[in-house]
Amino acid sequence: MKCYKHESVDASATCQECGRALCRECSSRFSLLMCEGCLVQNNEIVKNRLIKGFVMSGIFFAIGIAFGIMGDSGLFATLVTGYGLFGAYWSYTLMSKFIKGGMPMPLIKGVLALFTGIFVAPFKIYWDVRELKKIEEIKATIISNGIAG
């Protein structure tokens, strides 16, 4: 079997998604064992999930600000409330990767997220922004080389 992109080179692997044959060069090019077309599609799904996270955290921040305003708190307390819920969202999503299970786990994760969110949020945001940049760089590289397939 020959590589789908380098037709004169023997394949050493196949794309995890579509099963296309990949040579050693193509299979070691990215961290995921996928052809370029499937990788672009996969990265779009990941990108949409990351963007959804930023939108959701913004909504949680707005809810926190609204609670602060309704509670007739000062500016600092209102901002802390907003940041607390903003951070709780990021912390909860991170914990969901590690802590699995049915009830009462969502409640336990929620309480933990309220206390850890202020510390977790900056790191999780940094990680997700870095991931978005990496996705865009990979897409630009693939497009500049011409997507095969």
Protein backbone atom coordinates (compact mmCIF):
# COMPACT_ATOMS: atom_id res chain seq x y z
CA MET A 1 0.00 0.00 0.00
CA LYS A 2 1.31 3.47 -0.95
CA CYS A 3 0.93 6.81 0.85
CA TYR A 4 -2.10 8.80 -0.33
CA LYS A 5 0.03 11.95 -0.67
CA HIS A 6 3.41 10.50 -1.68
CA GLU A 7 2.29 7.87 -4.17
CA SER A 8 5.75 6.39 -4.69
CA VAL A 9 6.40 5.82 -0.95
CA ASP A 10 5.22 2.76 0.97
CA ALA A 11 2.69 3.40 3.73
CA SER A 12 3.61 2.73 7.33
CA ALA A 13 0.33 3.77 9.00
CA THR A 14 -3.25 4.75 8.27
CA CYS A 15 -5.34 7.78 9.21
CA GLN A 16 -7.34 7.14 12.40
CA GLU A 17 -10.40 8.78 10.89
CA CYS A 18 -10.67 7.83 7.21
CA GLY A 19 -8.17 4.98 6.87
CA ARG A 20 -6.02 6.64 4.20
CA ALA A 21 -2.51 5.21 3.90
CA LEU A 22 0.27 7.39 5.36
CA CYS A 23 4.03 7.12 4.83
CA ARG A 24 6.49 7.59 7.69
CA GLU A 25 6.85 11.31 6.89
CA CYS A 26 3.09 11.94 6.83
CA SER A 27 2.39 9.83 9.92
CA SER A 28 5.00 11.61 12.05
CA ARG A 29 4.16 15.14 10.92
CA PHE A 30 1.51 15.85 13.58
CA SER A 31 0.80 14.54 17.08
CA LEU A 32 -2.42 12.85 15.89
CA LEU A 33 -2.21 10.02 13.38
CA MET A 34 -4.45 11.65 10.75
CA CYS A 35 -4.25 12.76 7.16
CA GLU A 36 -4.25 16.52 6.61
CA GLY A 37 -7.92 16.74 5.65
CA CYS A 38 -9.09 14.81 8.71
CA LEU A 39 -6.75 16.77 10.98
CA VAL A 40 -8.21 20.09 9.77
CA GLN A 41 -11.74 18.77 10.41
CA ASN A 42 -10.77 17.46 13.87
CA ASN A 43 -9.08 20.74 14.77
CA GLU A 44 -12.21 22.70 13.77
CA ILE A 45 -14.22 20.63 16.26
CA VAL A 46 -11.63 21.28 18.98
CA LYS A 47 -11.52 24.98 18.08
CA ASN A 48 -15.31 25.27 18.36
CA ARG A 49 -15.22 23.55 21.77
CA LEU A 50 -12.54 25.97 23.00
CA ILE A 51 -14.45 29.01 21.72
CA LYS A 52 -17.61 27.71 23.40
CA GLY A 53 -15.61 27.61 26.65
CA PHE A 54 -14.67 31.28 26.31
CA VAL A 55 -18.28 32.23 25.58
CA MET A 56 -19.57 30.20 28.55
CA SER A 57 -17.00 31.71 30.91
CA GLY A 58 -18.07 35.17 29.72
CA ILE A 59 -21.68 34.29 30.52
CA PHE A 60 -20.66 33.11 33.99
CA PHE A 61 -18.71 36.34 34.50
CA ALA A 62 -21.80 38.37 33.51
CA ILE A 63 -23.96 36.34 35.91
CA GLY A 64 -21.44 37.02 38.69
CA ILE A 65 -21.47 40.73 37.92
CA ALA A 66 -25.28 40.70 37.95
CA PHE A 67 -25.27 39.01 41.37
CA GLY A 68 -22.80 41.61 42.64
CA ILE A 69 -24.94 44.47 41.36
CA MET A 70 -28.16 42.99 42.73
CA GLY A 71 -26.46 42.41 46.07
CA ASP A 72 -25.72 46.14 46.21
CA SER A 73 -22.03 45.35 46.67
CA GLY A 74 -19.22 47.73 45.97
CA LEU A 75 -17.27 47.65 42.73
CA PHE A 76 -14.52 45.38 44.10
CA ALA A 77 -16.96 42.83 45.53
CA THR A 78 -18.94 42.84 42.28
CA LEU A 79 -15.79 42.17 40.23
CA VAL A 80 -14.68 39.43 42.64
CA THR A 81 -18.08 37.77 42.32
CA GLY A 82 -17.85 37.93 38.54
CA TYR A 83 -14.32 36.56 38.50
CA GLY A 84 -15.29 33.87 41.01
CA LEU A 85 -18.01 32.46 38.74
CA PHE A 86 -15.81 33.01 35.69
CA GLY A 87 -13.04 30.95 37.32
CA ALA A 88 -15.47 28.34 38.63
CA TYR A 89 -16.49 27.53 35.06
CA TRP A 90 -12.87 26.91 34.00
CA SER A 91 -12.15 24.87 37.10
CA TYR A 92 -15.29 22.75 36.68
CA THR A 93 -14.45 21.93 33.05
CA LEU A 94 -10.91 20.96 34.03
CA MET A 95 -12.12 18.76 36.92
CA SER A 96 -14.62 17.06 34.61
CA LYS A 97 -11.68 15.55 32.73
CA PHE A 98 -10.39 13.87 35.88
CA ILE A 99 -13.37 13.33 38.18
CA LYS A 100 -16.03 11.07 36.69
CA GLY A 101 -19.20 9.64 38.14
CA GLY A 102 -22.87 10.26 38.72
CA MET A 103 -24.53 12.03 41.61
CA PRO A 104 -23.27 13.63 43.82
CA MET A 105 -20.13 14.25 41.74
CA PRO A 106 -21.45 17.31 39.82
CA LEU A 107 -22.33 18.96 43.12
CA ILE A 108 -18.94 18.13 44.63
CA LYS A 109 -17.15 19.39 41.50
CA GLY A 110 -19.24 22.58 41.60
CA VAL A 111 -18.31 23.34 45.20
CA LEU A 112 -14.64 22.56 44.56
CA ALA A 113 -14.74 24.74 41.44
CA LEU A 114 -15.96 27.74 43.43
CA PHE A 115 -12.91 27.49 45.68
CA THR A 116 -10.28 26.57 43.07
CA GLY A 117 -11.51 28.58 40.08
CA ILE A 118 -9.64 31.77 40.91
CA PHE A 119 -6.38 29.82 40.74
CA VAL A 120 -7.21 27.50 37.85
CA ALA A 121 -8.72 30.06 35.44
CA PRO A 122 -5.52 31.87 34.39
CA PHE A 123 -3.72 28.60 33.64
CA LYS A 124 -6.67 27.04 31.82
CA ILE A 125 -7.17 30.19 29.73
CA TYR A 126 -3.46 30.26 28.86
CA TRP A 127 -3.60 26.58 27.88
CA ASP A 128 -6.69 27.03 25.69
CA VAL A 129 -5.36 30.17 23.96
CA ARG A 130 -2.13 28.31 23.25
CA GLU A 131 -4.14 25.40 21.82
CA LEU A 132 -6.12 27.79 19.58
CA LYS A 133 -2.89 29.30 18.27
CA LYS A 134 -1.47 25.85 17.59
CA ILE A 135 -4.62 24.85 15.68
CA GLU A 136 -4.37 27.98 13.52
CA GLU A 137 -0.66 27.38 12.86
CA ILE A 138 -1.29 23.78 11.79
CA LYS A 139 -4.14 24.88 9.53
CA ALA A 140 -1.98 27.60 7.94
CA THR A 141 0.83 25.09 7.35
CA ILE A 142 -1.51 22.58 5.75
CA ILE A 143 -3.16 25.24 3.57
CA SER A 144 0.21 26.66 2.46
CA ASN A 145 1.29 23.16 1.40
CA GLY A 146 -2.08 22.48 -0.22
CA ILE A 147 -4.53 20.15 1.49
CA ALA A 148 -4.27 16.74 -0.08
CA GLY A 149 -7.64 15.04 -0.19
